Amino acid sequence: MTTAQTAPPPPMRLRELVFGAACAAALRAAARLGVADALGDTPMAVEDLAAAVKTEPKPLRRLLRALTCYGVFTEQRNGTFAHTDMSRLLREDDPHSLRNITLWCTEPWTWDAWPLLDEAVRTGSNVVEGLYGKEFFTYLNEDAPQSAEVFNRAMTTSSRQSAQDVAALLDLSASTSVADIGGGQGHVVASLLEKYPAMRGTLLDLPRVVENADPRLREGGALADRVRIVPGDCREAIPVRADVYVIKNILEWDDDSTARALRNVMAAGGPGARVVVIENLVDDSPSMRFSTAMDLLLLLNVGGAKHTTDSMVGRLTDAGLVIDDIRPVNPYLHAFDCTVPK
């Protein structure tokens, strides 16, 4: 029986780390093949599992054994395979599914970009424009639409899962309106409107994003009469007045873009407005291995960065905001609760 091992000696651990791509590739393969979806609550023989996902049994066993070393699936003494808490997260129907995140973090462009990390570290600039001759999201939408769709699904999943945590954390009982800036499909504003039945909300994001807004916010949706959907780029202008502005996981651009977005929020809200910035941090967090990896990926694709607590505080105070509180939202996110000074 193969099991996850802990605390190997340094030479063995380093050998494991340099083969990290094999683990990522194995997770991607399992996700694409739908192995976790085919495996139910009862352990299955590899032959039956292979028939269900249309693969050859022998290489599927090799794939599964590699993943069991990391606690993804487990092999029983009789040679059958069963789920673990991690492998269930690769299922489409799991409420906490990370299948789309798994696919996004292992998309084809990532395998082109990772080997050039040393170049990105030397220059401090992204490598994607050199690889593909265009800005990252332009490349995705024009040349890799399937990857763009994976990105959209991953961001939707991530936003939906964290929106309830954000709504639970924020006390907006003294406010009558909230704006979700760069809010994607609007899961955060939808969760807040459900929590506060008398509140009105606004969702602002790029046109191609808000056209796929959460059905609850669109015409005929349960929250449609209390929300306004505004296509726009928060780095250009924010034509939205609200008591509270929520900015979640978007201040990861270059410094100039981040500064412009914050200035625009302050100008829109005016003195006394509340601004809640929610971000992954690369310090003081149980998720540092994940967040630091995403930080490096941002360097590669857009030349951006995840923040430390100090760097986020610096960005916000440089913009002129007064930080009233910093609190964890969940193990992956922190909220910086700010006010536009009067």
C-alpha atoms as a PDB file:
ATOM      1  CA  MET A   1       0.000   0.000   0.000  1.00  0.00           C
ATOM      2  CA  THR A   2       1.360   3.416  -0.952  1.00  0.00           C
ATOM      3  CA  THR A   3       0.984   6.251   1.548  1.00  0.00           C
ATOM      4  CA  ALA A   4       2.015   9.876   1.881  1.00  0.00           C
ATOM      5  CA  GLN A   5       5.337  10.143   3.732  1.00  0.00           C
ATOM      6  CA  THR A   6       6.450  12.915   6.058  1.00  0.00           C
ATOM      7  CA  ALA A   7       9.772  14.587   6.881  1.00  0.00           C
ATOM      8  CA  PRO A   8      12.147  12.783   4.486  1.00  0.00           C
ATOM      9  CA  PRO A   9      15.867  13.570   4.808  1.00  0.00           C
ATOM     10  CA  PRO A  10      17.037  16.699   2.922  1.00  0.00           C
ATOM     11  CA  PRO A  11      18.577  14.902  -0.122  1.00  0.00           C
ATOM     12  CA  MET A  12      15.374  12.938  -0.667  1.00  0.00           C
ATOM     13  CA  ARG A  13      13.177  15.987  -0.136  1.00  0.00           C
ATOM     14  CA  LEU A  14      15.152  18.046  -2.649  1.00  0.00           C
ATOM     15  CA  ARG A  15      14.887  15.246  -5.213  1.00  0.00           C
ATOM     16  CA  GLU A  16      11.146  15.234  -4.646  1.00  0.00           C
ATOM     17  CA  LEU A  17      10.939  18.999  -5.051  1.00  0.00           C
ATOM     18  CA  VAL A  18      12.815  19.112  -8.355  1.00  0.00           C
ATOM     19  CA  PHE A  19      10.236  16.662  -9.696  1.00  0.00           C
ATOM     20  CA  GLY A  20       7.426  18.954  -8.617  1.00  0.00           C
ATOM     21  CA  ALA A  21       6.329  19.262 -12.242  1.00  0.00           C
ATOM     22  CA  ALA A  22       5.524  15.543 -12.226  1.00  0.00           C
ATOM     23  CA  CYS A  23       3.108  16.021  -9.338  1.00  0.00           C
ATOM     24  CA  ALA A  24       1.455  19.005 -11.039  1.00  0.00           C
ATOM     25  CA  ALA A  25       1.190  17.066 -14.305  1.00  0.00           C
ATOM     26  CA  ALA A  26      -0.293  14.061 -12.501  1.00  0.00           C
ATOM     27  CA  LEU A  27      -2.944  16.245 -10.878  1.00  0.00           C
ATOM     28  CA  ARG A  28      -3.752  17.815 -14.244  1.00  0.00           C
ATOM     29  CA  ALA A  29      -4.035  14.400 -15.874  1.00  0.00           C
ATOM     30  CA  ALA A  30      -6.343  13.097 -13.152  1.00  0.00           C
ATOM     31  CA  ALA A  31      -8.516  16.208 -13.440  1.00  0.00           C
ATOM     32  CA  ARG A  32      -8.718  16.058 -17.235  1.00  0.00           C
ATOM     33  CA  LEU A  33      -9.468  12.337 -17.216  1.00  0.00           C
ATOM     34  CA  GLY A  34     -12.185  12.737 -14.596  1.00  0.00           C
ATOM     35  CA  VAL A  35     -10.728  10.045 -12.343  1.00  0.00           C
ATOM     36  CA  ALA A  36     -12.103  11.576  -9.144  1.00  0.00           C
ATOM     37  CA  ASP A  37     -15.573  11.887 -10.682  1.00  0.00           C
ATOM     38  CA  ALA A  38     -15.569   8.237 -11.764  1.00  0.00           C
ATOM     39  CA  LEU A  39     -14.448   6.995  -8.355  1.00  0.00           C
ATOM     40  CA  GLY A  40     -17.395   6.772  -5.983  1.00  0.00           C
ATOM     41  CA  ASP A  41     -17.596   6.091  -2.272  1.00  0.00           C
ATOM     42  CA  THR A  42     -16.602   2.454  -2.742  1.00  0.00           C
ATOM     43  CA  PRO A  43     -12.978   1.546  -3.596  1.00  0.00           C
ATOM     44  CA  MET A  44     -12.553   0.464  -7.221  1.00  0.00           C
ATOM     45  CA  ALA A  45     -10.218  -1.884  -9.023  1.00  0.00           C
ATOM     46  CA  VAL A  46      -7.972  -0.041 -11.428  1.00  0.00           C
ATOM     47  CA  GLU A  47      -9.372  -2.062 -14.342  1.00  0.00           C
ATOM     48  CA  ASP A  48     -12.891  -0.834 -13.602  1.00  0.00           C
ATOM     49  CA  LEU A  49     -11.709   2.708 -13.097  1.00  0.00           C
ATOM     50  CA  ALA A  50      -9.771   2.589 -16.370  1.00  0.00           C
ATOM     51  CA  ALA A  51     -12.860   1.412 -18.223  1.00  0.00           C
ATOM     52  CA  ALA A  52     -14.873   4.263 -16.705  1.00  0.00           C
ATOM     53  CA  VAL A  53     -12.396   6.966 -17.772  1.00  0.00           C
ATOM     54  CA  LYS A  54     -11.343   5.256 -21.022  1.00  0.00           C
ATOM     55  CA  THR A  55      -7.636   4.691 -20.280  1.00  0.00           C
ATOM     56  CA  GLU A  56      -5.271   1.755 -20.169  1.00  0.00           C
ATOM     57  CA  PRO A  57      -5.209   0.114 -16.704  1.00  0.00           C
ATOM     58  CA  LYS A  58      -1.432  -0.145 -16.253  1.00  0.00           C
ATOM     59  CA  PRO A  59      -0.515   3.511 -16.855  1.00  0.00           C
ATOM     60  CA  LEU A  60      -3.572   4.592 -14.829  1.00  0.00           C
ATOM     61  CA  ARG A  61      -2.256   2.553 -11.882  1.00  0.00           C
ATOM     62  CA  ARG A  62       1.093   4.310 -12.246  1.00  0.00           C
ATOM     63  CA  LEU A  63      -0.618   7.695 -12.252  1.00  0.00           C
ATOM     64  CA  LEU A  64      -2.684   6.850  -9.178  1.00  0.00           C
ATOM     65  CA  ARG A  65       0.292   5.450  -7.266  1.00  0.00           C
ATOM     66  CA  ALA A  66       2.222   8.663  -7.925  1.00  0.00           C
ATOM     67  CA  LEU A  67      -0.662  10.704  -6.559  1.00  0.00           C
ATOM     68  CA  THR A  68      -1.143   8.523  -3.473  1.00  0.00           C
ATOM     69  CA  CYS A  69       2.369   9.550  -2.404  1.00  0.00           C
ATOM     70  CA  TYR A  70       0.946  13.047  -1.909  1.00  0.00           C
ATOM     71  CA  GLY A  71      -2.250  11.939  -0.199  1.00  0.00           C
ATOM     72  CA  VAL A  72      -4.342  12.297  -3.364  1.00  0.00           C
ATOM     73  CA  PHE A  73      -6.240   8.973  -3.541  1.00  0.00           C
ATOM     74  CA  THR A  74      -5.196   5.982  -1.448  1.00  0.00           C
ATOM     75  CA  GLU A  75      -4.378   2.421  -2.455  1.00  0.00           C
ATOM     76  CA  GLN A  76      -5.976  -0.342  -0.391  1.00  0.00           C
ATOM     77  CA  ARG A  77      -4.210  -3.570   0.574  1.00  0.00           C
ATOM     78  CA  ASN A  78      -6.186  -5.463  -2.057  1.00  0.00           C
ATOM     79  CA  GLY A  79      -4.939  -3.125  -4.815  1.00  0.00           C
ATOM     80  CA  THR A  80      -8.127  -1.088  -5.176  1.00  0.00           C
ATOM     81  CA  PHE A  81      -8.099   2.708  -4.998  1.00  0.00           C
ATOM     82  CA  ALA A  82     -10.247   4.960  -2.842  1.00  0.00           C
ATOM     83  CA  HIS A  83     -10.825   8.640  -2.234  1.00  0.00           C
ATOM     84  CA  THR A  84      -9.087  10.852   0.287  1.00  0.00           C
ATOM     85  CA  ASP A  85     -10.173  14.293   1.429  1.00  0.00           C
ATOM     86  CA  MET A  86      -7.850  15.810  -1.194  1.00  0.00           C
ATOM     87  CA  SER A  87      -8.883  13.634  -4.121  1.00  0.00           C
ATOM     88  CA  ARG A  88     -12.538  14.512  -3.520  1.00  0.00           C
ATOM     89  CA  LEU A  89     -11.606  18.134  -4.223  1.00  0.00           C
ATOM     90  CA  LEU A  90     -10.883  17.104  -7.825  1.00  0.00           C
ATOM     91  CA  ARG A  91     -14.544  16.168  -8.320  1.00  0.00           C
ATOM     92  CA  GLU A  92     -16.735  18.559 -10.290  1.00  0.00           C
ATOM     93  CA  ASP A  93     -19.628  18.118  -7.873  1.00  0.00           C
ATOM     94  CA  ASP A  94     -17.752  18.724  -4.620  1.00  0.00           C
ATOM     95  CA  PRO A  95     -18.922  22.025  -3.060  1.00  0.00           C
ATOM     96  CA  HIS A  96     -15.282  22.900  -2.355  1.00  0.00           C
ATOM     97  CA  SER A  97     -13.983  21.621  -5.693  1.00  0.00           C
ATOM     98  CA  LEU A  98     -10.512  22.715  -6.779  1.00  0.00           C
ATOM     99  CA  ARG A  99     -10.671  20.997 -10.157  1.00  0.00           C
ATOM    100  CA  ASN A 100     -10.776  24.234 -12.136  1.00  0.00           C
ATOM    101  CA  ILE A 101      -7.972  25.765 -10.068  1.00  0.00           C
ATOM    102  CA  THR A 102      -5.923  22.617 -10.712  1.00  0.00           C
ATOM    103  CA  LEU A 103      -6.427  22.979 -14.454  1.00  0.00           C
ATOM    104  CA  TRP A 104      -5.744  26.727 -14.474  1.00  0.00           C
ATOM    105  CA  CYS A 105      -2.452  26.421 -12.599  1.00  0.00           C
ATOM    106  CA  THR A 106      -1.251  23.767 -15.050  1.00  0.00           C
ATOM    107  CA  GLU A 107      -2.476  25.228 -18.365  1.00  0.00           C
ATOM    108  CA  PRO A 108      -0.125  24.835 -21.393  1.00  0.00           C
ATOM    109  CA  TRP A 109       1.203  28.403 -21.149  1.00  0.00           C
ATOM    110  CA  THR A 110       2.494  27.710 -17.629  1.00  0.00           C
ATOM    111  CA  TRP A 111       4.830  25.017 -18.963  1.00  0.00           C
ATOM    112  CA  ASP A 112       6.259  27.576 -21.404  1.00  0.00           C
ATOM    113  CA  ALA A 113       6.685  30.255 -18.745  1.00  0.00           C
ATOM    114  CA  TRP A 114       8.065  28.459 -15.673  1.00  0.00           C
ATOM    115  CA  PRO A 115      11.472  27.638 -17.243  1.00  0.00           C
ATOM    116  CA  LEU A 116      11.989  31.388 -17.757  1.00  0.00           C
ATOM    117  CA  LEU A 117      11.539  32.301 -14.087  1.00  0.00           C
ATOM    118  CA  ASP A 118      15.216  33.188 -13.757  1.00  0.00           C
ATOM    119  CA  GLU A 119      14.781  35.748 -16.551  1.00  0.00           C
ATOM    120  CA  ALA A 120      11.734  37.234 -14.814  1.00  0.00           C
ATOM    121  CA  VAL A 121      13.669  37.452 -11.537  1.00  0.00           C
ATOM    122  CA  ARG A 122      16.600  39.163 -13.271  1.00  0.00           C
ATOM    123  CA  THR A 123      14.447  41.740 -15.036  1.00  0.00           C
ATOM    124  CA  GLY A 124      11.449  42.053 -12.726  1.00  0.00           C
ATOM    125  CA  SER A 125       9.228  41.823 -15.803  1.00  0.00           C
ATOM    126  CA  ASN A 126       6.796  39.273 -17.174  1.00  0.00           C
ATOM    127  CA  VAL A 127       8.015  36.752 -19.762  1.00  0.00           C
ATOM    128  CA  VAL A 128       4.691  36.116 -21.508  1.00  0.00           C
ATOM    129  CA  GLU A 129       4.957  39.098 -23.853  1.00  0.00           C
ATOM    130  CA  GLY A 130       8.335  37.823 -25.014  1.00  0.00           C
ATOM    131  CA  LEU A 131       6.931  34.328 -25.504  1.00  0.00           C
ATOM    132  CA  TYR A 132       3.754  35.224 -27.354  1.00  0.00           C
ATOM    133  CA  GLY A 133       4.286  38.787 -28.548  1.00  0.00           C
ATOM    134  CA  LYS A 134       1.306  40.231 -26.698  1.00  0.00           C
ATOM    135  CA  GLU A 135      -0.010  41.052 -23.233  1.00  0.00           C
ATOM    136  CA  PHE A 136      -1.116  38.005 -21.236  1.00  0.00           C
ATOM    137  CA  PHE A 137      -4.897  38.417 -21.258  1.00  0.00           C
ATOM    138  CA  THR A 138      -4.833  39.538 -24.878  1.00  0.00           C
ATOM    139  CA  TYR A 139      -2.949  36.323 -25.668  1.00  0.00           C
ATOM    140  CA  LEU A 140      -5.473  34.219 -23.744  1.00  0.00           C
ATOM    141  CA  ASN A 141      -8.521  35.710 -25.403  1.00  0.00           C
ATOM    142  CA  GLU A 142      -7.099  35.864 -28.932  1.00  0.00           C
ATOM    143  CA  ASP A 143      -4.865  32.794 -29.137  1.00  0.00           C
ATOM    144  CA  ALA A 144      -5.863  30.469 -26.294  1.00  0.00           C
ATOM    145  CA  PRO A 145      -9.631  30.777 -25.841  1.00  0.00           C
ATOM    146  CA  GLN A 146      -9.877  27.359 -24.187  1.00  0.00           C
ATOM    147  CA  SER A 147      -7.347  28.466 -21.586  1.00  0.00           C
ATOM    148  CA  ALA A 148      -9.273  31.720 -21.136  1.00  0.00           C
ATOM    149  CA  GLU A 149     -12.380  29.658 -20.436  1.00  0.00           C
ATOM    150  CA  VAL A 150     -10.454  27.600 -17.863  1.00  0.00           C
ATOM    151  CA  PHE A 151      -9.357  30.870 -16.231  1.00  0.00           C
ATOM    152  CA  ASN A 152     -12.934  32.137 -16.081  1.00  0.00           C
ATOM    153  CA  ARG A 153     -14.188  28.891 -14.547  1.00  0.00           C
ATOM    154  CA  ALA A 154     -11.354  28.862 -11.997  1.00  0.00           C
ATOM    155  CA  MET A 155     -11.972  32.462 -10.965  1.00  0.00           C
ATOM    156  CA  THR A 156     -15.707  31.822 -10.757  1.00  0.00           C
ATOM    157  CA  THR A 157     -15.172  28.799  -8.527  1.00  0.00           C
ATOM    158  CA  SER A 158     -12.719  30.628  -6.292  1.00  0.00           C
ATOM    159  CA  SER A 159     -14.933  33.695  -5.990  1.00  0.00           C
ATOM    160  CA  ARG A 160     -18.064  31.684  -5.270  1.00  0.00           C
ATOM    161  CA  GLN A 161     -16.319  29.712  -2.527  1.00  0.00           C
ATOM    162  CA  SER A 162     -14.887  32.786  -0.783  1.00  0.00           C
ATOM    163  CA  ALA A 163     -17.905  35.067  -1.216  1.00  0.00           C
ATOM    164  CA  GLN A 164     -19.760  33.533   1.709  1.00  0.00           C
ATOM    165  CA  ASP A 165     -16.699  34.000   3.935  1.00  0.00           C
ATOM    166  CA  VAL A 166     -16.489  37.664   2.935  1.00  0.00           C
ATOM    167  CA  ALA A 167     -20.194  38.203   3.589  1.00  0.00           C
ATOM    168  CA  ALA A 168     -19.927  36.520   6.983  1.00  0.00           C
ATOM    169  CA  LEU A 169     -16.966  38.709   7.965  1.00  0.00           C
ATOM    170  CA  LEU A 170     -18.252  42.136   6.911  1.00  0.00           C
ATOM    171  CA  ASP A 171     -20.694  44.039   9.068  1.00  0.00           C
ATOM    172  CA  LEU A 172     -22.463  46.422   6.681  1.00  0.00           C
ATOM    173  CA  SER A 173     -25.489  46.996   8.870  1.00  0.00           C
ATOM    174  CA  ALA A 174     -24.806  50.739   8.978  1.00  0.00           C
ATOM    175  CA  SER A 175     -24.596  51.020   5.176  1.00  0.00           C
ATOM    176  CA  THR A 176     -27.244  51.236   2.478  1.00  0.00           C
ATOM    177  CA  SER A 177     -25.140  50.533  -0.618  1.00  0.00           C
ATOM    178  CA  VAL A 178     -22.103  48.454  -1.615  1.00  0.00           C
ATOM    179  CA  ALA A 179     -20.018  48.340  -4.803  1.00  0.00           C
ATOM    180  CA  ASP A 180     -18.021  45.296  -5.860  1.00  0.00           C
ATOM    181  CA  ILE A 181     -15.121  46.757  -7.870  1.00  0.00           C
ATOM    182  CA  GLY A 182     -13.440  44.394 -10.320  1.00  0.00           C
ATOM    183  CA  GLY A 183     -15.862  41.887  -8.852  1.00  0.00           C
ATOM    184  CA  GLY A 184     -15.916  39.374 -11.697  1.00  0.00           C
ATOM    185  CA  GLN A 185     -19.320  37.765 -11.931  1.00  0.00           C
ATOM    186  CA  GLY A 186     -20.481  39.387  -8.717  1.00  0.00           C
ATOM    187  CA  HIS A 187     -20.556  36.560  -6.195  1.00  0.00           C
ATOM    188  CA  VAL A 188     -19.414  38.844  -3.369  1.00  0.00           C
ATOM    189  CA  VAL A 189     -22.003  41.542  -3.986  1.00  0.00           C
ATOM    190  CA  ALA A 190     -24.677  38.872  -4.422  1.00  0.00           C
ATOM    191  CA  SER A 191     -23.789  37.298  -1.065  1.00  0.00           C
ATOM    192  CA  LEU A 192     -23.850  40.708   0.635  1.00  0.00           C
ATOM    193  CA  LEU A 193     -27.225  41.603  -0.874  1.00  0.00           C
ATOM    194  CA  GLU A 194     -28.624  38.290   0.333  1.00  0.00           C
ATOM    195  CA  LYS A 195     -27.303  39.032   3.838  1.00  0.00           C
ATOM    196  CA  TYR A 196     -28.752  42.566   3.837  1.00  0.00           C
ATOM    197  CA  PRO A 197     -32.198  42.564   2.168  1.00  0.00           C
ATOM    198  CA  ALA A 198     -32.526  46.376   2.234  1.00  0.00           C
ATOM    199  CA  MET A 199     -29.129  47.072   0.664  1.00  0.00           C
ATOM    200  CA  ARG A 200     -28.492  48.103  -2.926  1.00  0.00           C
ATOM    201  CA  GLY A 201     -25.395  47.009  -4.832  1.00  0.00           C
ATOM    202  CA  THR A 202     -23.278  47.640  -7.898  1.00  0.00           C
ATOM    203  CA  LEU A 203     -20.970  45.317  -9.813  1.00  0.00           C
ATOM    204  CA  LEU A 204     -18.205  46.859 -11.926  1.00  0.00           C
ATOM    205  CA  ASP A 205     -15.857  44.887 -14.135  1.00  0.00           C
ATOM    206  CA  LEU A 206     -14.766  44.614 -17.756  1.00  0.00           C
ATOM    207  CA  PRO A 207     -17.607  44.249 -20.297  1.00  0.00           C
ATOM    208  CA  ARG A 208     -16.673  40.695 -21.295  1.00  0.00           C
ATOM    209  CA  VAL A 209     -16.741  39.723 -17.610  1.00  0.00           C
ATOM    210  CA  VAL A 210     -19.995  41.287 -16.428  1.00  0.00           C
ATOM    211  CA  GLU A 211     -21.903  39.986 -19.430  1.00  0.00           C
ATOM    212  CA  ASN A 212     -21.617  36.625 -17.644  1.00  0.00           C
ATOM    213  CA  ALA A 213     -22.642  37.985 -14.233  1.00  0.00           C
ATOM    214  CA  ASP A 214     -24.156  35.718 -11.600  1.00  0.00           C
ATOM    215  CA  PRO A 215     -27.726  34.847 -12.693  1.00  0.00           C
ATOM    216  CA  ARG A 216     -29.018  36.259  -9.395  1.00  0.00           C
ATOM    217  CA  LEU A 217     -27.907  39.712 -10.566  1.00  0.00           C
ATOM    218  CA  ARG A 218     -29.115  39.614 -14.158  1.00  0.00           C
ATOM    219  CA  GLU A 219     -32.570  40.524 -15.411  1.00  0.00           C
ATOM    220  CA  GLY A 220     -35.106  38.187 -13.868  1.00  0.00           C
ATOM    221  CA  GLY A 221     -32.725  37.168 -11.100  1.00  0.00           C
ATOM    222  CA  ALA A 222     -33.647  37.239  -7.423  1.00  0.00           C
ATOM    223  CA  LEU A 223     -31.434  40.278  -6.755  1.00  0.00           C
ATOM    224  CA  ALA A 224     -31.781  42.108 -10.081  1.00  0.00           C
ATOM    225  CA  ASP A 225     -34.013  44.875  -8.738  1.00  0.00           C
ATOM    226  CA  ARG A 226     -31.393  45.850  -6.135  1.00  0.00           C
ATOM    227  CA  VAL A 227     -28.225  45.784  -8.246  1.00  0.00           C
ATOM    228  CA  ARG A 228     -26.685  47.779 -11.083  1.00  0.00           C
ATOM    229  CA  ILE A 229     -24.179  46.134 -13.430  1.00  0.00           C
ATOM    230  CA  VAL A 230     -21.614  48.592 -14.782  1.00  0.00           C
ATOM    231  CA  PRO A 231     -19.113  47.605 -17.515  1.00  0.00           C
ATOM    232  CA  GLY A 232     -15.805  49.367 -16.960  1.00  0.00           C
ATOM    233  CA  ASP A 233     -12.140  49.276 -16.003  1.00  0.00           C
ATOM    234  CA  CYS A 234     -11.459  50.434 -12.463  1.00  0.00           C
ATOM    235  CA  ARG A 235      -8.003  51.605 -13.538  1.00  0.00           C
ATOM    236  CA  GLU A 236      -9.644  54.099 -15.884  1.00  0.00           C
ATOM    237  CA  ALA A 237     -12.663  55.355 -13.928  1.00  0.00           C
ATOM    238  CA  ILE A 238     -15.247  54.242 -11.370  1.00  0.00           C
ATOM    239  CA  PRO A 239     -18.591  55.936 -12.093  1.00  0.00           C
ATOM    240  CA  VAL A 240     -20.182  54.379  -9.015  1.00  0.00           C
ATOM    241  CA  ARG A 241     -21.225  56.019  -5.746  1.00  0.00           C
ATOM    242  CA  ALA A 242     -21.631  53.745  -2.708  1.00  0.00           C
ATOM    243  CA  ASP A 243     -21.184  53.693   1.061  1.00  0.00           C
ATOM    244  CA  VAL A 244     -18.825  50.702   0.866  1.00  0.00           C
ATOM    245  CA  TYR A 245     -16.422  49.570  -1.860  1.00  0.00           C
ATOM    246  CA  VAL A 246     -15.141  46.006  -1.891  1.00  0.00           C
ATOM    247  CA  ILE A 247     -11.963  45.329  -3.879  1.00  0.00           C
ATOM    248  CA  LYS A 248     -11.046  41.641  -3.856  1.00  0.00           C
ATOM    249  CA  ASN A 249      -7.987  39.990  -5.411  1.00  0.00           C
ATOM    250  CA  ILE A 250      -7.343  42.563  -8.108  1.00  0.00           C
ATOM    251  CA  LEU A 251      -4.582  44.797  -6.694  1.00  0.00           C
ATOM    252  CA  GLU A 252      -1.889  42.540  -8.122  1.00  0.00           C
ATOM    253  CA  TRP A 253      -0.896  44.645 -11.128  1.00  0.00           C
ATOM    254  CA  ASP A 254       2.091  46.930 -11.494  1.00  0.00           C
ATOM    255  CA  ASP A 255       2.341  49.759  -8.955  1.00  0.00           C
ATOM    256  CA  ASP A 256       0.953  52.417 -11.306  1.00  0.00           C
ATOM    257  CA  SER A 257      -2.188  50.426 -12.137  1.00  0.00           C
ATOM    258  CA  THR A 258      -2.790  49.660  -8.461  1.00  0.00           C
ATOM    259  CA  ALA A 259      -2.368  53.327  -7.519  1.00  0.00           C
ATOM    260  CA  ARG A 260      -4.768  54.456 -10.255  1.00  0.00           C
ATOM    261  CA  ALA A 261      -7.428  51.980  -9.148  1.00  0.00           C
ATOM    262  CA  LEU A 262      -7.204  53.122  -5.539  1.00  0.00           C
ATOM    263  CA  ARG A 263      -7.318  56.806  -6.518  1.00  0.00           C
ATOM    264  CA  ASN A 264     -10.410  56.135  -8.600  1.00  0.00           C
ATOM    265  CA  VAL A 265     -12.160  54.363  -5.722  1.00  0.00           C
ATOM    266  CA  MET A 266     -11.396  57.244  -3.366  1.00  0.00           C
ATOM    267  CA  ALA A 267     -12.629  59.791  -5.887  1.00  0.00           C
ATOM    268  CA  ALA A 268     -15.828  57.835  -6.464  1.00  0.00           C
ATOM    269  CA  GLY A 269     -16.626  57.314  -2.800  1.00  0.00           C
ATOM    270  CA  GLY A 270     -15.476  60.632  -1.453  1.00  0.00           C
ATOM    271  CA  PRO A 271     -14.628  61.464   2.167  1.00  0.00           C
ATOM    272  CA  GLY A 272     -15.987  58.989   4.690  1.00  0.00           C
ATOM    273  CA  ALA A 273     -16.470  56.138   2.240  1.00  0.00           C
ATOM    274  CA  ARG A 274     -15.459  52.691   3.453  1.00  0.00           C
ATOM    275  CA  VAL A 275     -13.066  50.700   1.283  1.00  0.00           C
ATOM    276  CA  VAL A 276     -12.485  47.006   2.032  1.00  0.00           C
ATOM    277  CA  VAL A 277      -9.507  45.496   0.209  1.00  0.00           C
ATOM    278  CA  ILE A 278      -9.286  41.693   0.293  1.00  0.00           C
ATOM    279  CA  GLU A 279      -6.132  39.905  -0.830  1.00  0.00           C
ATOM    280  CA  ASN A 280      -4.040  36.761  -0.545  1.00  0.00           C
ATOM    281  CA  LEU A 281      -0.850  37.560   1.345  1.00  0.00           C
ATOM    282  CA  VAL A 282       2.593  35.997   1.025  1.00  0.00           C
ATOM    283  CA  ASP A 283       3.325  36.353   4.732  1.00  0.00           C
ATOM    284  CA  ASP A 284       1.579  35.477   7.986  1.00  0.00           C
ATOM    285  CA  SER A 285      -0.708  32.967   6.325  1.00  0.00           C
ATOM    286  CA  PRO A 286      -1.251  29.182   6.573  1.00  0.00           C
ATOM    287  CA  SER A 287      -1.411  29.153   2.752  1.00  0.00           C
ATOM    288  CA  MET A 288       2.069  30.543   2.096  1.00  0.00           C
ATOM    289  CA  ARG A 289       3.216  27.703  -0.172  1.00  0.00           C
ATOM    290  CA  PHE A 290       0.235  28.324  -2.431  1.00  0.00           C
ATOM    291  CA  SER A 291       0.291  32.124  -2.249  1.00  0.00           C
ATOM    292  CA  THR A 292       4.043  32.411  -2.884  1.00  0.00           C
ATOM    293  CA  ALA A 293       3.681  30.093  -5.894  1.00  0.00           C
ATOM    294  CA  MET A 294       0.853  32.236  -7.248  1.00  0.00           C
ATOM    295  CA  ASP A 295       3.036  35.287  -6.613  1.00  0.00           C
ATOM    296  CA  LEU A 296       5.732  33.851  -8.895  1.00  0.00           C
ATOM    297  CA  LEU A 297       3.131  32.957 -11.515  1.00  0.00           C
ATOM    298  CA  LEU A 298       1.904  36.560 -11.479  1.00  0.00           C
ATOM    299  CA  LEU A 299       5.473  37.712 -12.058  1.00  0.00           C
ATOM    300  CA  LEU A 300       5.670  35.429 -15.095  1.00  0.00           C
ATOM    301  CA  ASN A 301       2.359  36.274 -16.742  1.00  0.00           C
ATOM    302  CA  VAL A 302       1.553  39.923 -15.966  1.00  0.00           C
ATOM    303  CA  GLY A 303       4.566  41.194 -14.065  1.00  0.00           C
ATOM    304  CA  GLY A 304       2.349  41.517 -10.996  1.00  0.00           C
ATOM    305  CA  ALA A 305       2.744  40.410  -7.404  1.00  0.00           C
ATOM    306  CA  LYS A 306       0.918  39.159  -4.362  1.00  0.00           C
ATOM    307  CA  HIS A 307       1.384  41.380  -1.339  1.00  0.00           C
ATOM    308  CA  THR A 308       2.922  41.093   2.079  1.00  0.00           C
ATOM    309  CA  THR A 309       1.059  42.776   4.897  1.00  0.00           C
ATOM    310  CA  ASP A 310       3.572  45.632   4.833  1.00  0.00           C
ATOM    311  CA  SER A 311       3.445  46.122   1.066  1.00  0.00           C
ATOM    312  CA  MET A 312      -0.362  46.191   1.111  1.00  0.00           C
ATOM    313  CA  VAL A 313      -0.365  48.667   3.980  1.00  0.00           C
ATOM    314  CA  GLY A 314       2.127  50.769   2.022  1.00  0.00           C
ATOM    315  CA  ARG A 315      -0.021  50.792  -1.130  1.00  0.00           C
ATOM    316  CA  LEU A 316      -3.140  51.755   0.788  1.00  0.00           C
ATOM    317  CA  THR A 317      -1.571  54.482   2.913  1.00  0.00           C
ATOM    318  CA  ASP A 318       0.334  55.904  -0.070  1.00  0.00           C
ATOM    319  CA  ALA A 319      -3.017  56.247  -1.812  1.00  0.00           C
ATOM    320  CA  GLY A 320      -4.290  58.231   1.162  1.00  0.00           C
ATOM    321  CA  LEU A 321      -6.567  55.659   2.777  1.00  0.00           C
ATOM    322  CA  VAL A 322      -6.766  55.264   6.536  1.00  0.00           C
ATOM    323  CA  ILE A 323      -6.544  51.605   7.595  1.00  0.00           C
ATOM    324  CA  ASP A 324      -8.951  50.889  10.447  1.00  0.00           C
ATOM    325  CA  ASP A 325      -8.523  47.120  10.770  1.00  0.00           C
ATOM    326  CA  ILE A 326      -6.774  44.088   9.240  1.00  0.00           C
ATOM    327  CA  ARG A 327      -8.465  40.714   9.718  1.00  0.00           C
ATOM    328  CA  PRO A 328      -8.277  37.217   8.216  1.00  0.00           C
ATOM    329  CA  VAL A 329     -11.263  36.278   6.084  1.00  0.00           C
ATOM    330  CA  ASN A 330     -10.274  32.603   5.914  1.00  0.00           C
ATOM    331  CA  PRO A 331      -6.911  30.759   5.778  1.00  0.00           C
ATOM    332  CA  TYR A 332      -6.236  32.255   2.308  1.00  0.00           C
ATOM    333  CA  LEU A 333      -7.474  35.844   2.470  1.00  0.00           C
ATOM    334  CA  HIS A 334      -7.059  38.964   4.604  1.00  0.00           C
ATOM    335  CA  ALA A 335      -9.318  42.027   4.687  1.00  0.00           C
ATOM    336  CA  PHE A 336      -7.937  45.556   5.012  1.00  0.00           C
ATOM    337  CA  ASP A 337     -10.819  47.708   6.240  1.00  0.00           C
ATOM    338  CA  CYS A 338     -10.159  51.320   5.264  1.00  0.00           C
ATOM    339  CA  THR A 339     -11.772  54.756   5.187  1.00  0.00           C
ATOM    340  CA  VAL A 340     -11.397  57.666   2.784  1.00  0.00           C
ATOM    341  CA  PRO A 341     -10.319  60.501   5.113  1.00  0.00           C
ATOM    342  CA  LYS A 342     -12.579  63.522   5.542  1.00  0.00           C
END
